[in-house]
N, C-alpha and C. Protein backbone atom coordinates (compact mmCIF):
# COMPACT_ATOMS: atom_id res chain seq x y z
N UNK A 1 49.68 -12.64 9.88
CA UNK A 1 49.67 -11.18 10.08
C UNK A 1 48.71 -10.51 9.12
N UNK A 2 48.70 -11.00 7.89
CA UNK A 2 47.82 -10.42 6.88
C UNK A 2 46.35 -10.57 7.27
N UNK A 3 45.99 -11.75 7.82
CA UNK A 3 44.61 -12.01 8.22
C UNK A 3 44.18 -11.04 9.31
N UNK A 4 45.12 -10.78 10.28
CA UNK A 4 44.80 -9.85 11.36
C UNK A 4 44.56 -8.46 10.81
N UNK A 5 45.40 -8.06 9.86
CA UNK A 5 45.26 -6.74 9.26
C UNK A 5 43.93 -6.59 8.54
N UNK A 6 43.55 -7.62 7.77
CA UNK A 6 42.29 -7.57 7.04
C UNK A 6 41.11 -7.54 7.99
N UNK A 7 41.17 -8.33 9.08
CA UNK A 7 40.10 -8.34 10.06
C UNK A 7 39.97 -6.99 10.75
N UNK A 8 41.12 -6.36 11.02
CA UNK A 8 41.11 -5.04 11.66
C UNK A 8 40.46 -4.01 10.75
N UNK A 9 40.82 -4.08 9.46
CA UNK A 9 40.23 -3.14 8.50
C UNK A 9 38.73 -3.34 8.40
N UNK A 10 38.29 -4.60 8.39
CA UNK A 10 36.87 -4.90 8.29
C UNK A 10 36.13 -4.37 9.51
N UNK A 11 36.75 -4.51 10.69
CA UNK A 11 36.13 -4.04 11.92
C UNK A 11 35.94 -2.52 11.90
N UNK A 12 36.98 -1.80 11.47
CA UNK A 12 36.89 -0.34 11.37
C UNK A 12 35.79 0.06 10.38
N UNK A 13 35.76 -0.62 9.25
CA UNK A 13 34.78 -0.34 8.21
C UNK A 13 33.36 -0.55 8.75
N UNK A 14 33.15 -1.64 9.47
CA UNK A 14 31.84 -1.93 10.05
C UNK A 14 31.44 -0.84 11.04
N UNK A 15 32.38 -0.43 11.85
CA UNK A 15 32.10 0.60 12.86
C UNK A 15 31.72 1.91 12.21
N UNK A 16 32.41 2.27 11.13
CA UNK A 16 32.09 3.52 10.43
C UNK A 16 30.70 3.46 9.82
N UNK A 17 30.37 2.31 9.21
CA UNK A 17 29.03 2.15 8.64
C UNK A 17 27.96 2.29 9.70
N UNK A 18 28.20 1.68 10.87
CA UNK A 18 27.23 1.77 11.96
C UNK A 18 27.11 3.21 12.46
N UNK A 19 28.23 3.91 12.53
CA UNK A 19 28.20 5.31 12.98
C UNK A 19 27.44 6.20 12.00
N UNK A 20 27.63 5.95 10.71
CA UNK A 20 26.91 6.73 9.70
C UNK A 20 25.41 6.45 9.81
N UNK A 21 25.06 5.18 10.04
CA UNK A 21 23.64 4.83 10.20
C UNK A 21 23.05 5.61 11.37
N UNK A 22 23.77 5.63 12.51
CA UNK A 22 23.28 6.35 13.69
C UNK A 22 23.21 7.85 13.43
N UNK A 23 24.19 8.36 12.70
CA UNK A 23 24.20 9.79 12.37
C UNK A 23 22.94 10.17 11.59
N UNK A 24 22.59 9.32 10.62
CA UNK A 24 21.40 9.58 9.79
C UNK A 24 20.14 9.56 10.65
N UNK A 25 20.05 8.59 11.56
CA UNK A 25 18.87 8.47 12.43
C UNK A 25 18.80 9.63 13.42
N UNK A 26 19.92 9.92 14.07
CA UNK A 26 19.94 10.95 15.11
C UNK A 26 19.65 12.34 14.55
N UNK A 27 20.05 12.56 13.29
CA UNK A 27 19.82 13.87 12.67
C UNK A 27 18.54 13.89 11.84
N UNK A 28 17.80 12.79 11.93
CA UNK A 28 16.49 12.69 11.27
C UNK A 28 16.56 13.07 9.79
N UNK A 29 17.58 12.55 9.11
CA UNK A 29 17.75 12.86 7.69
C UNK A 29 16.75 12.06 6.86
N UNK A 30 16.25 12.68 5.82
CA UNK A 30 15.27 12.05 4.94
C UNK A 30 15.80 12.05 3.51
N UNK A 31 15.20 11.23 2.64
CA UNK A 31 15.62 11.24 1.23
C UNK A 31 15.61 12.65 0.67
N UNK A 32 16.72 13.02 0.02
CA UNK A 32 16.85 14.37 -0.53
C UNK A 32 17.71 15.27 0.33
N UNK A 33 17.90 14.90 1.61
CA UNK A 33 18.74 15.70 2.50
C UNK A 33 20.21 15.50 2.15
N UNK A 34 20.97 16.56 2.35
CA UNK A 34 22.40 16.50 2.04
C UNK A 34 23.19 15.97 3.23
N UNK A 35 24.14 15.08 2.94
CA UNK A 35 25.03 14.56 3.98
C UNK A 35 26.20 15.52 4.17
N UNK A 36 26.76 15.54 5.38
CA UNK A 36 27.94 16.37 5.61
C UNK A 36 29.08 15.92 4.72
N UNK A 37 30.12 16.73 4.64
CA UNK A 37 31.27 16.38 3.83
C UNK A 37 32.02 15.20 4.42
N UNK A 38 32.82 14.60 3.59
CA UNK A 38 33.65 13.47 4.02
C UNK A 38 34.55 13.88 5.19
N UNK A 39 35.11 15.07 5.10
CA UNK A 39 35.99 15.56 6.15
C UNK A 39 35.24 15.75 7.46
N UNK A 40 34.04 16.32 7.38
CA UNK A 40 33.22 16.57 8.58
C UNK A 40 32.86 15.23 9.25
N UNK A 41 32.46 14.25 8.43
CA UNK A 41 32.09 12.95 8.97
C UNK A 41 33.28 12.28 9.65
N UNK A 42 34.44 12.39 9.02
CA UNK A 42 35.65 11.78 9.59
C UNK A 42 35.95 12.39 10.96
N UNK A 43 35.82 13.71 11.06
CA UNK A 43 36.10 14.39 12.33
C UNK A 43 35.03 14.09 13.37
N UNK A 44 33.77 14.11 12.94
CA UNK A 44 32.65 13.88 13.87
C UNK A 44 32.63 12.45 14.38
N UNK A 45 32.92 11.51 13.48
CA UNK A 45 32.87 10.10 13.84
C UNK A 45 34.21 9.59 14.38
N UNK A 46 35.20 10.48 14.38
CA UNK A 46 36.55 10.12 14.84
C UNK A 46 37.08 8.92 14.07
N UNK A 47 36.96 9.00 12.74
CA UNK A 47 37.39 7.90 11.87
C UNK A 47 38.29 8.45 10.77
N UNK A 48 39.07 7.57 10.18
CA UNK A 48 39.94 7.98 9.08
C UNK A 48 39.12 8.32 7.85
N UNK A 49 39.60 9.27 7.07
CA UNK A 49 38.86 9.67 5.88
C UNK A 49 38.75 8.54 4.86
N UNK A 50 39.76 7.69 4.80
CA UNK A 50 39.70 6.57 3.86
C UNK A 50 38.58 5.60 4.23
N UNK A 51 38.39 5.38 5.54
CA UNK A 51 37.32 4.48 6.00
C UNK A 51 35.96 5.09 5.70
N UNK A 52 35.84 6.40 5.93
CA UNK A 52 34.58 7.10 5.63
C UNK A 52 34.30 7.04 4.14
N UNK A 53 35.35 7.24 3.35
CA UNK A 53 35.19 7.23 1.89
C UNK A 53 34.70 5.85 1.41
N UNK A 54 35.27 4.80 1.96
CA UNK A 54 34.86 3.44 1.58
C UNK A 54 33.41 3.16 1.99
N UNK A 55 33.05 3.61 3.18
CA UNK A 55 31.69 3.40 3.67
C UNK A 55 30.68 4.14 2.78
N UNK A 56 31.00 5.38 2.42
CA UNK A 56 30.12 6.16 1.55
C UNK A 56 30.01 5.53 0.17
N UNK A 57 31.13 4.98 -0.32
CA UNK A 57 31.10 4.31 -1.62
C UNK A 57 30.16 3.10 -1.58
N UNK A 58 30.22 2.35 -0.47
CA UNK A 58 29.35 1.18 -0.32
C UNK A 58 27.88 1.60 -0.30
N UNK A 59 27.59 2.67 0.41
CA UNK A 59 26.21 3.18 0.47
C UNK A 59 25.73 3.63 -0.90
N UNK A 60 26.65 4.22 -1.66
CA UNK A 60 26.28 4.68 -3.00
C UNK A 60 26.03 3.50 -3.93
N UNK A 61 26.85 2.45 -3.81
CA UNK A 61 26.67 1.27 -4.65
C UNK A 61 25.33 0.60 -4.38
N UNK A 62 24.87 0.70 -3.14
CA UNK A 62 23.58 0.12 -2.77
C UNK A 62 22.40 1.03 -3.14
N UNK A 63 22.74 2.21 -3.65
CA UNK A 63 21.67 3.12 -4.05
C UNK A 63 21.06 3.90 -2.91
N UNK A 64 21.76 3.97 -1.77
CA UNK A 64 21.21 4.68 -0.61
C UNK A 64 21.56 6.16 -0.62
N UNK A 65 22.66 6.49 -1.28
CA UNK A 65 23.05 7.89 -1.41
C UNK A 65 23.46 8.14 -2.85
N UNK A 66 23.50 9.39 -3.23
CA UNK A 66 23.96 9.75 -4.56
C UNK A 66 24.81 11.01 -4.48
N UNK A 67 25.85 11.05 -5.29
CA UNK A 67 26.74 12.20 -5.31
C UNK A 67 26.47 13.03 -6.55
N UNK A 68 26.19 14.31 -6.36
CA UNK A 68 25.94 15.23 -7.46
C UNK A 68 27.15 16.14 -7.58
N UNK A 69 27.77 16.11 -8.73
CA UNK A 69 29.00 16.87 -8.93
C UNK A 69 28.77 18.35 -8.66
N UNK A 70 29.60 18.90 -7.80
CA UNK A 70 29.52 20.32 -7.47
C UNK A 70 28.48 20.65 -6.42
N UNK A 71 27.67 19.65 -6.01
CA UNK A 71 26.61 19.92 -5.03
C UNK A 71 26.81 19.17 -3.72
N UNK A 72 27.34 17.95 -3.80
CA UNK A 72 27.53 17.18 -2.58
C UNK A 72 26.88 15.80 -2.65
N UNK A 73 26.79 15.18 -1.48
CA UNK A 73 26.22 13.83 -1.39
C UNK A 73 24.86 13.90 -0.72
N UNK A 74 23.87 13.22 -1.31
CA UNK A 74 22.50 13.30 -0.81
C UNK A 74 21.95 11.92 -0.48
N UNK A 75 21.11 11.88 0.55
CA UNK A 75 20.47 10.63 0.96
C UNK A 75 19.34 10.31 0.00
N UNK A 76 19.28 9.06 -0.40
CA UNK A 76 18.17 8.61 -1.25
C UNK A 76 17.14 7.92 -0.36
N UNK A 77 17.04 6.61 -0.43
CA UNK A 77 16.09 5.91 0.42
C UNK A 77 16.85 5.13 1.46
N UNK A 78 16.62 5.44 2.72
CA UNK A 78 17.36 4.78 3.80
C UNK A 78 16.44 3.86 4.60
N UNK A 79 16.89 2.64 4.80
CA UNK A 79 16.19 1.70 5.69
C UNK A 79 17.26 0.99 6.49
N UNK A 80 17.03 0.80 7.80
CA UNK A 80 18.06 0.20 8.66
C UNK A 80 18.59 -1.14 8.18
N UNK A 81 17.74 -1.97 7.55
CA UNK A 81 18.21 -3.31 7.19
C UNK A 81 19.27 -3.27 6.10
N UNK A 82 19.40 -2.14 5.39
CA UNK A 82 20.44 -2.05 4.37
C UNK A 82 21.83 -2.16 5.00
N UNK A 83 21.98 -1.67 6.24
CA UNK A 83 23.26 -1.78 6.91
C UNK A 83 23.63 -3.25 7.08
N UNK A 84 22.64 -4.08 7.36
CA UNK A 84 22.88 -5.51 7.50
C UNK A 84 23.42 -6.07 6.19
N UNK A 85 22.89 -5.62 5.07
CA UNK A 85 23.35 -6.10 3.77
C UNK A 85 24.81 -5.75 3.55
N UNK A 86 25.19 -4.55 3.95
CA UNK A 86 26.58 -4.12 3.77
C UNK A 86 27.51 -4.94 4.67
N UNK A 87 27.14 -5.05 5.93
CA UNK A 87 28.00 -5.75 6.89
C UNK A 87 28.12 -7.23 6.56
N UNK A 88 27.15 -7.77 5.87
CA UNK A 88 27.19 -9.20 5.55
C UNK A 88 28.42 -9.54 4.72
N UNK A 89 28.91 -8.59 3.96
CA UNK A 89 30.10 -8.80 3.15
C UNK A 89 31.25 -9.29 4.02
N UNK A 90 31.30 -8.78 5.25
CA UNK A 90 32.37 -9.15 6.17
C UNK A 90 31.95 -10.28 7.10
N UNK A 91 30.75 -10.20 7.62
CA UNK A 91 30.28 -11.19 8.59
C UNK A 91 30.32 -12.60 8.02
N UNK A 92 29.93 -12.73 6.75
CA UNK A 92 29.81 -14.06 6.17
C UNK A 92 31.15 -14.69 5.80
N UNK A 93 32.24 -14.01 6.06
CA UNK A 93 33.54 -14.62 5.84
C UNK A 93 33.88 -15.58 6.98
N UNK A 94 33.16 -15.47 8.11
CA UNK A 94 33.39 -16.37 9.24
C UNK A 94 32.79 -17.74 8.92
N UNK A 95 33.59 -18.79 9.08
CA UNK A 95 33.16 -20.14 8.74
C UNK A 95 31.90 -20.55 9.50
N UNK A 96 31.87 -20.31 10.81
CA UNK A 96 30.73 -20.70 11.62
C UNK A 96 29.47 -19.96 11.19
N UNK A 97 29.61 -18.70 10.82
CA UNK A 97 28.46 -17.92 10.39
C UNK A 97 27.89 -18.48 9.10
N UNK A 98 28.76 -18.94 8.20
CA UNK A 98 28.28 -19.54 6.95
C UNK A 98 27.46 -20.80 7.23
N UNK A 99 27.93 -21.59 8.19
CA UNK A 99 27.20 -22.80 8.55
C UNK A 99 25.84 -22.46 9.15
N UNK A 100 25.82 -21.44 10.01
CA UNK A 100 24.56 -21.03 10.65
C UNK A 100 23.59 -20.48 9.62
N UNK A 101 24.13 -19.75 8.66
CA UNK A 101 23.30 -19.19 7.59
C UNK A 101 22.60 -20.30 6.82
N UNK A 102 23.35 -21.33 6.49
CA UNK A 102 22.80 -22.45 5.75
C UNK A 102 21.73 -23.17 6.56
N UNK A 103 21.98 -23.31 7.86
CA UNK A 103 21.01 -23.98 8.73
C UNK A 103 19.70 -23.18 8.81
N UNK A 104 19.81 -21.87 8.94
CA UNK A 104 18.62 -21.02 8.99
C UNK A 104 17.84 -21.09 7.68
N UNK A 105 18.57 -21.06 6.57
CA UNK A 105 17.93 -21.15 5.26
C UNK A 105 17.16 -22.45 5.13
N UNK A 106 17.77 -23.56 5.56
CA UNK A 106 17.12 -24.87 5.48
C UNK A 106 15.86 -24.90 6.35
N UNK A 107 15.95 -24.36 7.57
CA UNK A 107 14.80 -24.37 8.48
C UNK A 107 13.65 -23.53 7.92
N UNK A 108 13.98 -22.39 7.33
CA UNK A 108 12.94 -21.55 6.73
C UNK A 108 12.24 -22.26 5.58
N UNK A 109 13.03 -22.96 4.77
CA UNK A 109 12.46 -23.65 3.62
C UNK A 109 11.64 -24.87 4.04
N UNK A 110 12.05 -25.51 5.12
CA UNK A 110 11.25 -26.61 5.66
C UNK A 110 9.90 -26.08 6.14
N UNK A 111 9.92 -24.92 6.78
CA UNK A 111 8.69 -24.32 7.26
C UNK A 111 7.78 -23.93 6.10
N UNK A 112 8.39 -23.37 5.05
CA UNK A 112 7.60 -22.97 3.87
C UNK A 112 6.93 -24.19 3.23
N UNK A 113 7.66 -25.30 3.18
CA UNK A 113 7.12 -26.53 2.59
C UNK A 113 5.96 -27.06 3.43
N UNK A 114 6.09 -26.98 4.75
CA UNK A 114 5.01 -27.43 5.64
C UNK A 114 3.76 -26.58 5.46
N UNK A 115 3.94 -25.27 5.35
CA UNK A 115 2.80 -24.36 5.17
C UNK A 115 2.16 -24.59 3.80
N UNK A 116 3.02 -24.84 2.80
CA UNK A 116 2.51 -25.04 1.44
C UNK A 116 1.58 -26.25 1.36
N UNK A 117 1.78 -27.24 2.23
CA UNK A 117 0.89 -28.41 2.24
C UNK A 117 -0.57 -28.02 2.44
N UNK A 118 -0.78 -26.94 3.19
CA UNK A 118 -2.13 -26.53 3.52
C UNK A 118 -2.80 -25.75 2.38
N UNK A 119 -2.00 -25.27 1.42
CA UNK A 119 -2.54 -24.39 0.39
C UNK A 119 -2.37 -24.88 -1.04
N UNK A 120 -1.50 -25.86 -1.26
CA UNK A 120 -1.17 -26.25 -2.63
C UNK A 120 -2.38 -26.87 -3.34
N UNK A 121 -2.53 -26.51 -4.60
CA UNK A 121 -3.61 -27.03 -5.44
C UNK A 121 -2.99 -27.74 -6.64
N UNK A 122 -3.82 -28.38 -7.40
CA UNK A 122 -3.32 -29.05 -8.60
C UNK A 122 -2.74 -28.03 -9.58
N UNK A 123 -3.33 -26.85 -9.60
CA UNK A 123 -2.83 -25.78 -10.48
C UNK A 123 -1.41 -25.39 -10.07
N UNK A 124 -1.19 -25.25 -8.76
CA UNK A 124 0.15 -24.94 -8.26
C UNK A 124 1.14 -26.03 -8.66
N UNK A 125 0.71 -27.28 -8.52
CA UNK A 125 1.55 -28.43 -8.83
C UNK A 125 2.02 -28.39 -10.28
N UNK A 126 1.08 -28.16 -11.18
CA UNK A 126 1.40 -28.12 -12.62
C UNK A 126 2.33 -26.94 -12.93
N UNK A 127 2.03 -25.79 -12.34
CA UNK A 127 2.82 -24.57 -12.59
C UNK A 127 4.26 -24.73 -12.10
N UNK A 128 4.42 -25.29 -10.91
CA UNK A 128 5.76 -25.46 -10.35
C UNK A 128 6.58 -26.47 -11.14
N UNK A 129 5.95 -27.53 -11.58
CA UNK A 129 6.68 -28.53 -12.38
C UNK A 129 7.10 -27.94 -13.72
N UNK A 130 6.26 -27.10 -14.27
CA UNK A 130 6.60 -26.45 -15.54
C UNK A 130 7.77 -25.49 -15.35
N UNK A 131 7.75 -24.76 -14.24
CA UNK A 131 8.85 -23.83 -13.95
C UNK A 131 10.17 -24.56 -13.77
N UNK A 132 10.11 -25.73 -13.16
CA UNK A 132 11.33 -26.53 -12.95
C UNK A 132 11.94 -26.95 -14.28
N UNK A 133 11.11 -27.21 -15.26
CA UNK A 133 11.60 -27.59 -16.58
C UNK A 133 12.24 -26.42 -17.29
N UNK A 134 11.74 -25.22 -17.02
CA UNK A 134 12.22 -24.02 -17.72
C UNK A 134 13.50 -23.46 -17.11
N UNK A 135 13.68 -23.63 -15.79
CA UNK A 135 14.85 -23.07 -15.11
C UNK A 135 16.03 -24.03 -15.21
N UNK A 136 17.17 -23.51 -15.67
CA UNK A 136 18.37 -24.33 -15.81
C UNK A 136 19.36 -24.12 -14.67
N UNK A 137 19.55 -22.88 -14.26
CA UNK A 137 20.52 -22.57 -13.22
C UNK A 137 20.08 -23.12 -11.88
N UNK A 138 21.03 -23.70 -11.14
CA UNK A 138 20.72 -24.20 -9.80
C UNK A 138 20.20 -23.12 -8.89
N UNK A 139 20.85 -21.95 -8.90
CA UNK A 139 20.42 -20.83 -8.06
C UNK A 139 19.01 -20.37 -8.41
N UNK A 140 18.79 -20.14 -9.69
CA UNK A 140 17.50 -19.61 -10.13
C UNK A 140 16.38 -20.62 -9.91
N UNK A 141 16.68 -21.88 -10.17
CA UNK A 141 15.69 -22.93 -9.99
C UNK A 141 15.24 -22.98 -8.53
N UNK A 142 16.22 -22.96 -7.63
CA UNK A 142 15.93 -23.03 -6.21
C UNK A 142 15.14 -21.81 -5.75
N UNK A 143 15.57 -20.63 -6.19
CA UNK A 143 14.91 -19.39 -5.78
C UNK A 143 13.45 -19.37 -6.21
N UNK A 144 13.20 -19.62 -7.47
CA UNK A 144 11.83 -19.55 -7.99
C UNK A 144 10.93 -20.61 -7.37
N UNK A 145 11.49 -21.79 -7.13
CA UNK A 145 10.70 -22.87 -6.53
C UNK A 145 10.23 -22.48 -5.13
N UNK A 146 11.17 -22.06 -4.28
CA UNK A 146 10.80 -21.74 -2.90
C UNK A 146 10.09 -20.40 -2.78
N UNK A 147 10.36 -19.49 -3.71
CA UNK A 147 9.62 -18.22 -3.70
C UNK A 147 8.12 -18.51 -3.84
N UNK A 148 7.80 -19.44 -4.72
CA UNK A 148 6.40 -19.81 -4.92
C UNK A 148 5.82 -20.44 -3.66
N UNK A 149 6.61 -21.30 -2.99
CA UNK A 149 6.13 -21.92 -1.76
C UNK A 149 5.90 -20.88 -0.67
N UNK A 150 6.82 -19.93 -0.55
CA UNK A 150 6.68 -18.89 0.47
C UNK A 150 5.47 -17.99 0.21
N UNK A 151 5.20 -17.70 -1.05
CA UNK A 151 4.04 -16.85 -1.36
C UNK A 151 2.73 -17.55 -0.99
N UNK A 152 2.73 -18.87 -0.98
CA UNK A 152 1.53 -19.61 -0.58
C UNK A 152 1.20 -19.39 0.90
N UNK A 153 2.22 -19.04 1.70
CA UNK A 153 2.01 -18.87 3.14
C UNK A 153 1.27 -17.58 3.48
N UNK A 154 1.24 -16.64 2.53
CA UNK A 154 0.62 -15.33 2.76
C UNK A 154 1.25 -14.60 3.95
N UNK A 155 2.52 -14.91 4.23
CA UNK A 155 3.25 -14.26 5.32
C UNK A 155 4.40 -13.49 4.68
N UNK A 156 4.18 -12.20 4.46
CA UNK A 156 5.15 -11.39 3.74
C UNK A 156 6.47 -11.24 4.49
N UNK A 157 6.40 -11.18 5.82
CA UNK A 157 7.62 -11.04 6.61
C UNK A 157 8.49 -12.29 6.49
N UNK A 158 7.86 -13.45 6.55
CA UNK A 158 8.58 -14.71 6.39
C UNK A 158 9.27 -14.76 5.03
N UNK A 159 8.56 -14.32 4.02
CA UNK A 159 9.12 -14.28 2.66
C UNK A 159 10.33 -13.35 2.60
N UNK A 160 10.22 -12.17 3.19
CA UNK A 160 11.31 -11.19 3.15
C UNK A 160 12.54 -11.68 3.89
N UNK A 161 12.33 -12.34 5.03
CA UNK A 161 13.46 -12.88 5.80
C UNK A 161 14.18 -13.93 4.96
N UNK A 162 13.40 -14.81 4.34
CA UNK A 162 14.00 -15.86 3.51
C UNK A 162 14.75 -15.25 2.32
N UNK A 163 14.18 -14.23 1.68
CA UNK A 163 14.85 -13.61 0.53
C UNK A 163 16.19 -13.02 0.94
N UNK A 164 16.25 -12.42 2.12
CA UNK A 164 17.50 -11.83 2.59
C UNK A 164 18.53 -12.93 2.84
N UNK A 165 18.11 -14.00 3.51
CA UNK A 165 19.01 -15.13 3.78
C UNK A 165 19.46 -15.78 2.48
N UNK A 166 18.53 -15.93 1.55
CA UNK A 166 18.83 -16.55 0.25
C UNK A 166 19.87 -15.72 -0.50
N UNK A 167 19.71 -14.41 -0.48
CA UNK A 167 20.66 -13.54 -1.17
C UNK A 167 22.04 -13.64 -0.55
N UNK A 168 22.12 -13.64 0.79
CA UNK A 168 23.40 -13.76 1.47
C UNK A 168 24.07 -15.08 1.11
N UNK A 169 23.28 -16.16 1.12
CA UNK A 169 23.86 -17.50 0.93
C UNK A 169 24.50 -17.66 -0.44
N UNK A 170 24.01 -16.96 -1.43
CA UNK A 170 24.57 -17.07 -2.78
C UNK A 170 26.01 -16.61 -2.84
N UNK A 171 26.39 -15.73 -1.92
CA UNK A 171 27.75 -15.19 -1.93
C UNK A 171 28.77 -16.15 -1.33
N UNK A 172 28.30 -17.17 -0.60
CA UNK A 172 29.24 -18.05 0.09
C UNK A 172 29.04 -19.54 -0.20
N UNK A 173 27.95 -19.90 -0.87
CA UNK A 173 27.70 -21.31 -1.13
C UNK A 173 27.52 -21.60 -2.61
N UNK A 174 28.19 -22.63 -3.07
CA UNK A 174 27.98 -23.10 -4.44
C UNK A 174 26.79 -24.04 -4.41
N UNK A 175 25.68 -23.62 -5.01
CA UNK A 175 24.45 -24.39 -4.90
C UNK A 175 24.22 -25.26 -6.13
N UNK A 176 24.10 -26.55 -5.89
CA UNK A 176 23.81 -27.50 -6.96
C UNK A 176 22.74 -28.47 -6.46
N UNK A 177 21.55 -28.37 -7.03
CA UNK A 177 20.46 -29.24 -6.61
C UNK A 177 19.99 -30.08 -7.79
N UNK A 178 19.67 -31.33 -7.53
CA UNK A 178 19.15 -32.19 -8.58
C UNK A 178 17.68 -31.88 -8.82
N UNK A 179 17.31 -31.74 -10.10
CA UNK A 179 15.92 -31.44 -10.44
C UNK A 179 14.97 -32.51 -9.92
N UNK A 180 15.43 -33.75 -9.93
CA UNK A 180 14.58 -34.87 -9.49
C UNK A 180 14.14 -34.70 -8.04
N UNK A 181 15.00 -34.11 -7.20
CA UNK A 181 14.64 -33.91 -5.80
C UNK A 181 13.52 -32.89 -5.66
N UNK A 182 13.52 -31.87 -6.50
CA UNK A 182 12.44 -30.88 -6.47
C UNK A 182 11.10 -31.53 -6.83
N UNK A 183 11.15 -32.40 -7.83
CA UNK A 183 9.93 -33.10 -8.25
C UNK A 183 9.41 -33.98 -7.12
N UNK A 184 10.34 -34.70 -6.48
CA UNK A 184 9.96 -35.54 -5.35
C UNK A 184 9.39 -34.70 -4.20
N UNK A 185 10.03 -33.58 -3.95
CA UNK A 185 9.58 -32.69 -2.88
C UNK A 185 8.18 -32.15 -3.18
N UNK A 186 7.98 -31.75 -4.40
CA UNK A 186 6.68 -31.20 -4.81
C UNK A 186 5.58 -32.25 -4.66
N UNK A 187 5.86 -33.47 -5.09
CA UNK A 187 4.87 -34.55 -4.97
C UNK A 187 4.57 -34.86 -3.51
N UNK A 188 5.61 -34.80 -2.66
CA UNK A 188 5.42 -35.07 -1.23
C UNK A 188 4.59 -33.97 -0.57
N UNK A 189 4.81 -32.72 -0.99
CA UNK A 189 4.03 -31.60 -0.46
C UNK A 189 2.56 -31.76 -0.85
N UNK A 190 2.35 -32.09 -2.12
CA UNK A 190 0.98 -32.24 -2.62
C UNK A 190 0.26 -33.41 -1.92
N UNK A 191 1.04 -34.46 -1.60
CA UNK A 191 0.47 -35.64 -0.92
C UNK A 191 0.42 -35.45 0.60
N UNK A 192 0.92 -34.29 1.07
CA UNK A 192 0.93 -33.96 2.49
C UNK A 192 1.70 -35.00 3.32
N UNK A 193 2.85 -35.41 2.81
CA UNK A 193 3.72 -36.36 3.49
C UNK A 193 4.81 -35.59 4.25
N UNK A 194 4.50 -35.19 5.46
CA UNK A 194 5.37 -34.32 6.25
C UNK A 194 6.78 -34.87 6.44
N UNK A 195 6.90 -36.12 6.87
CA UNK A 195 8.22 -36.71 7.11
C UNK A 195 9.02 -36.82 5.82
N UNK A 196 8.36 -37.14 4.73
CA UNK A 196 9.02 -37.25 3.44
C UNK A 196 9.56 -35.90 2.99
N UNK A 197 8.78 -34.85 3.23
CA UNK A 197 9.20 -33.48 2.88
C UNK A 197 10.47 -33.11 3.62
N UNK A 198 10.50 -33.37 4.92
CA UNK A 198 11.69 -33.04 5.72
C UNK A 198 12.91 -33.82 5.24
N UNK A 199 12.69 -35.08 4.91
CA UNK A 199 13.78 -35.94 4.44
C UNK A 199 14.37 -35.43 3.13
N UNK A 200 13.52 -35.01 2.21
CA UNK A 200 13.99 -34.54 0.90
C UNK A 200 14.75 -33.22 1.03
N UNK A 201 14.27 -32.33 1.87
CA UNK A 201 14.97 -31.05 2.06
C UNK A 201 16.33 -31.30 2.69
N UNK A 202 16.42 -32.28 3.58
CA UNK A 202 17.72 -32.64 4.15
C UNK A 202 18.66 -33.10 3.03
N UNK A 203 18.13 -33.85 2.08
CA UNK A 203 18.95 -34.32 0.95
C UNK A 203 19.40 -33.16 0.07
N UNK A 204 18.53 -32.16 -0.09
CA UNK A 204 18.89 -30.99 -0.90
C UNK A 204 20.15 -30.32 -0.34
N UNK A 205 20.25 -30.30 0.99
CA UNK A 205 21.34 -29.58 1.64
C UNK A 205 22.54 -30.45 1.97
N UNK A 206 22.40 -31.73 1.79
CA UNK A 206 23.46 -32.65 2.19
C UNK A 206 24.79 -32.35 1.50
N UNK A 207 24.78 -32.20 0.20
CA UNK A 207 26.02 -31.95 -0.55
C UNK A 207 26.62 -30.59 -0.22
N UNK A 208 25.75 -29.59 0.00
CA UNK A 208 26.26 -28.25 0.30
C UNK A 208 26.96 -28.24 1.64
N UNK A 209 26.39 -28.93 2.63
CA UNK A 209 26.99 -28.96 3.95
C UNK A 209 28.41 -29.52 3.91
N UNK A 210 28.66 -30.42 2.99
CA UNK A 210 30.01 -31.00 2.87
C UNK A 210 31.01 -29.99 2.33
N UNK A 211 30.50 -29.00 1.59
CA UNK A 211 31.39 -28.01 0.97
C UNK A 211 31.70 -26.83 1.87
N UNK A 212 30.84 -26.61 2.88
CA UNK A 212 30.99 -25.42 3.72
C UNK A 212 32.27 -25.52 4.54
């Protein structure tokens, strides 16, 4: 019963966030514009005030709105993808979604490694190996390593998609990668060994898949 209640609350919360997003778009609100009161939004969106309050708090925590005492709530910088970031808090609680997230992350990183084969230089090789020695945290090591590979692709959209997926995955996966695998992967990329690269990335994710 508790699980049903929590799922119901999450669904209402998601709906309110989506309605607020549409309200902002439909009313063509820009940074600096004032949002209606909590009461007005609750009535207009046909939602409970507590749900509206929680949604506004989430938007404020993300830096999308700001509340000025005695003046009201104002829009800061709004971009549609921020709603995805908020909803991910709930979406990623689904087991199947977590598995799919991990699969997408792996596929993106395999693609980045393949593209990096075409651009990697000896200078890149030395720099990446040095960075691996300096980074201790599994999360940070992985992020900085693949961030460098993605920047080699000169595809900013691909990089942004991966960054979003990477950020989401940190909330649901305990990441532990062996440094030796990164070294092997880097050497395989530099040697342009496509099959070896795919094999090593599979190994990187093998232990995580068992935990999901």
